[in-house]
Amino acid sequence: TVTLQMNSLKPEDTAVYYCNAGIRSSSRAG
């Protein structure tokens, strides 16, 4: 898991936030 604590938020922070991970999986090579 990963968490992003966002404080002192500004209107410029408005967006869709996407989680991302770099992974090695047993179901996909590489």
PDB file of all heavy atoms in Angstrom:
ATOM      1  N   THR A   1       0.829  -1.191   0.000  1.00  0.00           N
ATOM      2  CA  THR A   1       0.000   0.000   0.000  1.00  0.00           C
ATOM      3  C   THR A   1       0.869   1.248   0.000  1.00  0.00           C
ATOM      4  O   THR A   1       2.012   1.233   0.453  1.00  0.00           O
ATOM      5  CB  THR A   1      -0.939   0.048   1.213  1.00  0.00           C
ATOM      6  OG1 THR A   1      -0.170   0.041   2.419  1.00  0.00           O
ATOM      7  CG2 THR A   1      -1.885  -1.142   1.208  1.00  0.00           C
ATOM      8  N   VAL A   2       0.305   2.320  -0.499  1.00  0.00           N
ATOM      9  CA  VAL A   2       0.957   3.615  -0.480  1.00  0.00           C
ATOM     10  C   VAL A   2      -0.084   4.662  -0.126  1.00  0.00           C
ATOM     11  O   VAL A   2      -1.240   4.569  -0.541  1.00  0.00           O
ATOM     12  CB  VAL A   2       1.647   3.935  -1.823  1.00  0.00           C
ATOM     13  CG1 VAL A   2       0.627   4.031  -2.956  1.00  0.00           C
ATOM     14  CG2 VAL A   2       2.473   5.206  -1.733  1.00  0.00           C
ATOM     15  N   THR A   3       0.340   5.637   0.651  1.00  0.00           N
ATOM     16  CA  THR A   3      -0.553   6.679   1.126  1.00  0.00           C
ATOM     17  C   THR A   3       0.039   8.042   0.806  1.00  0.00           C
ATOM     18  O   THR A   3       1.251   8.238   0.895  1.00  0.00           O
ATOM     19  CB  THR A   3      -0.772   6.555   2.642  1.00  0.00           C
ATOM     20  OG1 THR A   3      -1.378   5.302   2.941  1.00  0.00           O
ATOM     21  CG2 THR A   3      -1.664   7.667   3.155  1.00  0.00           C
ATOM     22  N   LEU A   4      -0.818   8.957   0.438  1.00  0.00           N
ATOM     23  CA  LEU A   4      -0.408  10.335   0.204  1.00  0.00           C
ATOM     24  C   LEU A   4      -1.197  11.236   1.139  1.00  0.00           C
ATOM     25  O   LEU A   4      -2.413  11.390   0.973  1.00  0.00           O
ATOM     26  CB  LEU A   4      -0.639  10.742  -1.245  1.00  0.00           C
ATOM     27  CG  LEU A   4      -0.131  12.125  -1.640  1.00  0.00           C
ATOM     28  CD1 LEU A   4       1.395  12.159  -1.606  1.00  0.00           C
ATOM     29  CD2 LEU A   4      -0.645  12.517  -3.019  1.00  0.00           C
ATOM     30  N   GLN A   5      -0.519  11.785   2.113  1.00  0.00           N
ATOM     31  CA  GLN A   5      -1.125  12.748   3.020  1.00  0.00           C
ATOM     32  C   GLN A   5      -0.952  14.129   2.416  1.00  0.00           C
ATOM     33  O   GLN A   5       0.176  14.583   2.216  1.00  0.00           O
ATOM     34  CB  GLN A   5      -0.474  12.680   4.400  1.00  0.00           C
ATOM     35  CG  GLN A   5      -1.003  13.704   5.392  1.00  0.00           C
ATOM     36  CD  GLN A   5      -2.445  13.474   5.755  1.00  0.00           C
ATOM     37  OE1 GLN A   5      -2.841  12.355   6.061  1.00  0.00           O
ATOM     38  NE2 GLN A   5      -3.246  14.534   5.714  1.00  0.00           N
ATOM     39  N   MET A   6      -2.051  14.790   2.126  1.00  0.00           N
ATOM     40  CA  MET A   6      -2.027  16.083   1.468  1.00  0.00           C
ATOM     41  C   MET A   6      -2.532  17.142   2.428  1.00  0.00           C
ATOM     42  O   MET A   6      -3.700  17.127   2.829  1.00  0.00           O
ATOM     43  CB  MET A   6      -2.873  16.058   0.197  1.00  0.00           C
ATOM     44  CG  MET A   6      -2.486  14.959  -0.784  1.00  0.00           C
ATOM     45  SD  MET A   6      -3.395  15.057  -2.352  1.00  0.00           S
ATOM     46  CE  MET A   6      -5.054  14.701  -1.758  1.00  0.00           C
ATOM     47  N   ASN A   7      -1.663  18.042   2.796  1.00  0.00           N
ATOM     48  CA  ASN A   7      -2.000  19.137   3.689  1.00  0.00           C
ATOM     49  C   ASN A   7      -1.869  20.466   2.957  1.00  0.00           C
ATOM     50  O   ASN A   7      -1.238  20.556   1.907  1.00  0.00           O
ATOM     51  CB  ASN A   7      -1.085  19.133   4.914  1.00  0.00           C
ATOM     52  CG  ASN A   7      -1.203  17.884   5.740  1.00  0.00           C
ATOM     53  OD1 ASN A   7      -2.277  17.300   5.870  1.00  0.00           O
ATOM     54  ND2 ASN A   7      -0.088  17.453   6.329  1.00  0.00           N
ATOM     55  N   SER A   8      -2.458  21.492   3.545  1.00  0.00           N
ATOM     56  CA  SER A   8      -2.395  22.838   2.968  1.00  0.00           C
ATOM     57  C   SER A   8      -2.768  22.831   1.502  1.00  0.00           C
ATOM     58  O   SER A   8      -2.097  23.425   0.655  1.00  0.00           O
ATOM     59  CB  SER A   8      -0.994  23.427   3.167  1.00  0.00           C
ATOM     60  OG  SER A   8      -0.648  23.480   4.532  1.00  0.00           O
ATOM     61  N   LEU A   9      -3.859  22.180   1.200  1.00  0.00           N
ATOM     62  CA  LEU A   9      -4.261  22.012  -0.185  1.00  0.00           C
ATOM     63  C   LEU A   9      -4.630  23.337  -0.838  1.00  0.00           C
ATOM     64  O   LEU A   9      -5.198  24.224  -0.203  1.00  0.00           O
ATOM     65  CB  LEU A   9      -5.428  21.037  -0.280  1.00  0.00           C
ATOM     66  CG  LEU A   9      -5.027  19.568  -0.153  1.00  0.00           C
ATOM     67  CD1 LEU A   9      -6.226  18.705   0.204  1.00  0.00           C
ATOM     68  CD2 LEU A   9      -4.391  19.085  -1.452  1.00  0.00           C
ATOM     69  N   LYS A  10      -4.298  23.437  -2.098  1.00  0.00           N
ATOM     70  CA  LYS A  10      -4.557  24.618  -2.899  1.00  0.00           C
ATOM     71  C   LYS A  10      -5.478  24.268  -4.056  1.00  0.00           C
ATOM     72  O   LYS A  10      -5.529  23.125  -4.484  1.00  0.00           O
ATOM     73  CB  LYS A  10      -3.239  25.177  -3.459  1.00  0.00           C
ATOM     74  CG  LYS A  10      -2.185  25.498  -2.421  1.00  0.00           C
ATOM     75  CD  LYS A  10      -0.886  25.919  -3.093  1.00  0.00           C
ATOM     76  CE  LYS A  10       0.186  26.233  -2.070  1.00  0.00           C
ATOM     77  NZ  LYS A  10       1.458  26.627  -2.729  1.00  0.00           N
ATOM     78  N   PRO A  11      -6.199  25.254  -4.576  1.00  0.00           N
ATOM     79  CA  PRO A  11      -7.027  24.977  -5.752  1.00  0.00           C
ATOM     80  C   PRO A  11      -6.244  24.366  -6.904  1.00  0.00           C
ATOM     81  O   PRO A  11      -6.804  23.559  -7.664  1.00  0.00           O
ATOM     82  CB  PRO A  11      -7.578  26.361  -6.118  1.00  0.00           C
ATOM     83  CG  PRO A  11      -7.626  27.088  -4.818  1.00  0.00           C
ATOM     84  CD  PRO A  11      -6.408  26.624  -4.068  1.00  0.00           C
ATOM     85  N   GLU A  12      -4.984  24.725  -7.024  1.00  0.00           N
ATOM     86  CA  GLU A  12      -4.148  24.172  -8.083  1.00  0.00           C
ATOM     87  C   GLU A  12      -3.896  22.678  -7.931  1.00  0.00           C
ATOM     88  O   GLU A  12      -3.426  22.035  -8.873  1.00  0.00           O
ATOM     89  CB  GLU A  12      -2.793  24.903  -8.133  1.00  0.00           C
ATOM     90  CG  GLU A  12      -2.905  26.409  -8.238  1.00  0.00           C
ATOM     91  CD  GLU A  12      -2.894  27.079  -6.881  1.00  0.00           C
ATOM     92  OE1 GLU A  12      -3.987  27.257  -6.300  1.00  0.00           O
ATOM     93  OE2 GLU A  12      -1.792  27.429  -6.398  1.00  0.00           O
ATOM     94  N   ASP A  13      -4.187  22.135  -6.762  1.00  0.00           N
ATOM     95  CA  ASP A  13      -4.037  20.702  -6.541  1.00  0.00           C
ATOM     96  C   ASP A  13      -5.211  19.905  -7.083  1.00  0.00           C
ATOM     97  O   ASP A  13      -5.172  18.675  -7.091  1.00  0.00           O
ATOM     98  CB  ASP A  13      -3.875  20.398  -5.050  1.00  0.00           C
ATOM     99  CG  ASP A  13      -2.614  20.995  -4.464  1.00  0.00           C
ATOM    100  OD1 ASP A  13      -1.552  20.912  -5.116  1.00  0.00           O
ATOM    101  OD2 ASP A  13      -2.690  21.545  -3.340  1.00  0.00           O
ATOM    102  N   THR A  14      -6.256  20.582  -7.498  1.00  0.00           N
ATOM    103  CA  THR A  14      -7.423  19.904  -8.036  1.00  0.00           C
ATOM    104  C   THR A  14      -7.047  19.092  -9.268  1.00  0.00           C
ATOM    105  O   THR A  14      -6.479  19.619 -10.224  1.00  0.00           O
ATOM    106  CB  THR A  14      -8.520  20.911  -8.393  1.00  0.00           C
ATOM    107  OG1 THR A  14      -8.962  21.577  -7.211  1.00  0.00           O
ATOM    108  CG2 THR A  14      -9.705  20.212  -9.048  1.00  0.00           C
ATOM    109  N   ALA A  15      -7.358  17.816  -9.227  1.00  0.00           N
ATOM    110  CA  ALA A  15      -7.009  16.916 -10.318  1.00  0.00           C
ATOM    111  C   ALA A  15      -7.540  15.532  -9.996  1.00  0.00           C
ATOM    112  O   ALA A  15      -7.992  15.266  -8.885  1.00  0.00           O
ATOM    113  CB  ALA A  15      -5.489  16.854 -10.509  1.00  0.00           C
ATOM    114  N   VAL A  16      -7.466  14.668 -10.977  1.00  0.00           N
ATOM    115  CA  VAL A  16      -7.651  13.248 -10.726  1.00  0.00           C
ATOM    116  C   VAL A  16      -6.295  12.676 -10.357  1.00  0.00           C
ATOM    117  O   VAL A  16      -5.325  12.846 -11.099  1.00  0.00           O
ATOM    118  CB  VAL A  16      -8.234  12.515 -11.941  1.00  0.00           C
ATOM    119  CG1 VAL A  16      -8.337  11.022 -11.665  1.00  0.00           C
ATOM    120  CG2 VAL A  16      -9.605  13.079 -12.289  1.00  0.00           C
ATOM    121  N   TYR A  17      -6.244  12.026  -9.234  1.00  0.00           N
ATOM    122  CA  TYR A  17      -5.002  11.458  -8.744  1.00  0.00           C
ATOM    123  C   TYR A  17      -4.986   9.966  -9.020  1.00  0.00           C
ATOM    124  O   TYR A  17      -5.928   9.245  -8.686  1.00  0.00           O
ATOM    125  CB  TYR A  17      -4.843  11.726  -7.244  1.00  0.00           C
ATOM    126  CG  TYR A  17      -4.444  13.144  -6.935  1.00  0.00           C
ATOM    127  CD1 TYR A  17      -5.340  14.186  -7.129  1.00  0.00           C
ATOM    128  CD2 TYR A  17      -3.160  13.448  -6.479  1.00  0.00           C
ATOM    129  CE1 TYR A  17      -4.977  15.497  -6.878  1.00  0.00           C
ATOM    130  CE2 TYR A  17      -2.785  14.749  -6.217  1.00  0.00           C
ATOM    131  CZ  TYR A  17      -3.693  15.770  -6.417  1.00  0.00           C
ATOM    132  OH  TYR A  17      -3.324  17.075  -6.157  1.00  0.00           O
ATOM    133  N   TYR A  18      -3.906   9.508  -9.617  1.00  0.00           N
ATOM    134  CA  TYR A  18      -3.759   8.119 -10.011  1.00  0.00           C
ATOM    135  C   TYR A  18      -2.626   7.461  -9.250  1.00  0.00           C
ATOM    136  O   TYR A  18      -1.519   7.996  -9.186  1.00  0.00           O
ATOM    137  CB  TYR A  18      -3.459   8.004 -11.502  1.00  0.00           C
ATOM    138  CG  TYR A  18      -4.556   8.488 -12.410  1.00  0.00           C
ATOM    139  CD1 TYR A  18      -4.599   9.812 -12.837  1.00  0.00           C
ATOM    140  CD2 TYR A  18      -5.549   7.617 -12.848  1.00  0.00           C
ATOM    141  CE1 TYR A  18      -5.598  10.257 -13.676  1.00  0.00           C
ATOM    142  CE2 TYR A  18      -6.552   8.060 -13.689  1.00  0.00           C
ATOM    143  CZ  TYR A  18      -6.570   9.380 -14.102  1.00  0.00           C
ATOM    144  OH  TYR A  18      -7.567   9.815 -14.943  1.00  0.00           O
ATOM    145  N   CYS A  19      -2.908   6.320  -8.713  1.00  0.00           N
ATOM    146  CA  CYS A  19      -1.871   5.509  -8.106  1.00  0.00           C
ATOM    147  C   CYS A  19      -1.104   4.767  -9.192  1.00  0.00           C
ATOM    148  O   CYS A  19      -1.670   4.373 -10.215  1.00  0.00           O
ATOM    149  CB  CYS A  19      -2.502   4.520  -7.128  1.00  0.00           C
ATOM    150  SG  CYS A  19      -1.324   3.516  -6.203  1.00  0.00           S
ATOM    151  N   ASN A  20       0.172   4.584  -8.966  1.00  0.00           N
ATOM    152  CA  ASN A  20       1.031   3.907  -9.926  1.00  0.00           C
ATOM    153  C   ASN A  20       1.987   2.983  -9.191  1.00  0.00           C
ATOM    154  O   ASN A  20       2.456   3.307  -8.101  1.00  0.00           O
ATOM    155  CB  ASN A  20       1.819   4.939 -10.739  1.00  0.00           C
ATOM    156  CG  ASN A  20       2.873   4.319 -11.626  1.00  0.00           C
ATOM    157  OD1 ASN A  20       4.025   4.150 -11.216  1.00  0.00           O
ATOM    158  ND2 ASN A  20       2.487   3.967 -12.841  1.00  0.00           N
ATOM    159  N   ALA A  21       2.271   1.848  -9.798  1.00  0.00           N
ATOM    160  CA  ALA A  21       3.226   0.926  -9.212  1.00  0.00           C
ATOM    161  C   ALA A  21       4.025   0.236 -10.296  1.00  0.00           C
ATOM    162  O   ALA A  21       3.481  -0.118 -11.347  1.00  0.00           O
ATOM    163  CB  ALA A  21       2.520  -0.116  -8.345  1.00  0.00           C
ATOM    164  N   GLY A  22       5.295   0.049 -10.047  1.00  0.00           N
ATOM    165  CA  GLY A  22       6.160  -0.737 -10.913  1.00  0.00           C
ATOM    166  C   GLY A  22       6.281  -2.129 -10.336  1.00  0.00           C
ATOM    167  O   GLY A  22       6.787  -2.297  -9.228  1.00  0.00           O
ATOM    168  N   ILE A  23       5.853  -3.119 -11.093  1.00  0.00           N
ATOM    169  CA  ILE A  23       5.574  -4.440 -10.546  1.00  0.00           C
ATOM    170  C   ILE A  23       6.217  -5.555 -11.364  1.00  0.00           C
ATOM    171  O   ILE A  23       6.307  -5.482 -12.590  1.00  0.00           O
ATOM    172  CB  ILE A  23       4.049  -4.672 -10.474  1.00  0.00           C
ATOM    173  CG1 ILE A  23       3.423  -3.737  -9.441  1.00  0.00           C
ATOM    174  CG2 ILE A  23       3.705  -6.115 -10.137  1.00  0.00           C
ATOM    175  CD1 ILE A  23       1.917  -3.774  -9.420  1.00  0.00           C
ATOM    176  N   ARG A  24       6.636  -6.586 -10.659  1.00  0.00           N
ATOM    177  CA  ARG A  24       6.881  -7.891 -11.256  1.00  0.00           C
ATOM    178  C   ARG A  24       5.785  -8.820 -10.782  1.00  0.00           C
ATOM    179  O   ARG A  24       5.502  -8.914  -9.589  1.00  0.00           O
ATOM    180  CB  ARG A  24       8.246  -8.434 -10.862  1.00  0.00           C
ATOM    181  CG  ARG A  24       9.397  -7.780 -11.598  1.00  0.00           C
ATOM    182  CD  ARG A  24      10.685  -8.572 -11.415  1.00  0.00           C
ATOM    183  NE  ARG A  24      11.768  -8.006 -12.206  1.00  0.00           N
ATOM    184  CZ  ARG A  24      12.014  -8.329 -13.468  1.00  0.00           C
ATOM    185  NH1 ARG A  24      11.264  -9.240 -14.084  1.00  0.00           N
ATOM    186  NH2 ARG A  24      13.015  -7.765 -14.116  1.00  0.00           N
ATOM    187  N   SER A  25       5.175  -9.522 -11.726  1.00  0.00           N
ATOM    188  CA  SER A  25       4.031 -10.366 -11.434  1.00  0.00           C
ATOM    189  C   SER A  25       4.257 -11.780 -11.942  1.00  0.00           C
ATOM    190  O   SER A  25       4.948 -11.997 -12.938  1.00  0.00           O
ATOM    191  CB  SER A  25       2.769  -9.784 -12.070  1.00  0.00           C
ATOM    192  OG  SER A  25       1.667 -10.658 -11.937  1.00  0.00           O
ATOM    193  N   SER A  26       3.637 -12.724 -11.265  1.00  0.00           N
ATOM    194  CA  SER A  26       3.697 -14.109 -11.714  1.00  0.00           C
ATOM    195  C   SER A  26       2.834 -14.349 -12.947  1.00  0.00           C
ATOM    196  O   SER A  26       2.981 -15.371 -13.616  1.00  0.00           O
ATOM    197  CB  SER A  26       3.270 -15.053 -10.588  1.00  0.00           C
ATOM    198  OG  SER A  26       1.940 -14.795 -10.182  1.00  0.00           O
ATOM    199  N   SER A  27       1.934 -13.428 -13.253  1.00  0.00           N
ATOM    200  CA  SER A  27       1.028 -13.586 -14.380  1.00  0.00           C
ATOM    201  C   SER A  27       1.460 -12.824 -15.635  1.00  0.00           C
ATOM    202  O   SER A  27       0.786 -12.909 -16.665  1.00  0.00           O
ATOM    203  CB  SER A  27      -0.381 -13.141 -13.981  1.00  0.00           C
ATOM    204  OG  SER A  27      -0.409 -11.769 -13.655  1.00  0.00           O
ATOM    205  N   ARG A  28       2.559 -12.097 -15.557  1.00  0.00           N
ATOM    206  CA  ARG A  28       3.048 -11.334 -16.699  1.00  0.00           C
ATOM    207  C   ARG A  28       4.561 -11.241 -16.624  1.00  0.00           C
ATOM    208  O   ARG A  28       5.111 -10.944 -15.567  1.00  0.00           O
ATOM    209  CB  ARG A  28       2.409  -9.951 -16.715  1.00  0.00           C
ATOM    210  CG  ARG A  28       2.869  -9.057 -17.858  1.00  0.00           C
ATOM    211  CD  ARG A  28       2.090  -7.763 -17.866  1.00  0.00           C
ATOM    212  NE  ARG A  28       2.623  -6.810 -18.818  1.00  0.00           N
ATOM    213  CZ  ARG A  28       2.139  -5.604 -19.041  1.00  0.00           C
ATOM    214  NH1 ARG A  28       1.066  -5.193 -18.362  1.00  0.00           N
ATOM    215  NH2 ARG A  28       2.700  -4.811 -19.935  1.00  0.00           N
ATOM    216  N   ALA A  29       5.206 -11.449 -17.736  1.00  0.00           N
ATOM    217  CA  ALA A  29       6.660 -11.435 -17.775  1.00  0.00           C
ATOM    218  C   ALA A  29       7.198 -10.020 -17.677  1.00  0.00           C
ATOM    219  O   ALA A  29       6.577  -9.058 -18.151  1.00  0.00           O
ATOM    220  CB  ALA A  29       7.154 -12.094 -19.057  1.00  0.00           C
ATOM    221  N   GLY A  30       8.356  -9.903 -17.075  1.00  0.00           N
ATOM    222  CA  GLY A  30       9.047  -8.636 -17.038  1.00  0.00           C
ATOM    223  C   GLY A  30       8.579  -7.716 -15.926  1.00  0.00           C
ATOM    224  O   GLY A  30       7.867  -8.112 -15.001  1.00  0.00           O
TER     225      GLY A  30
END
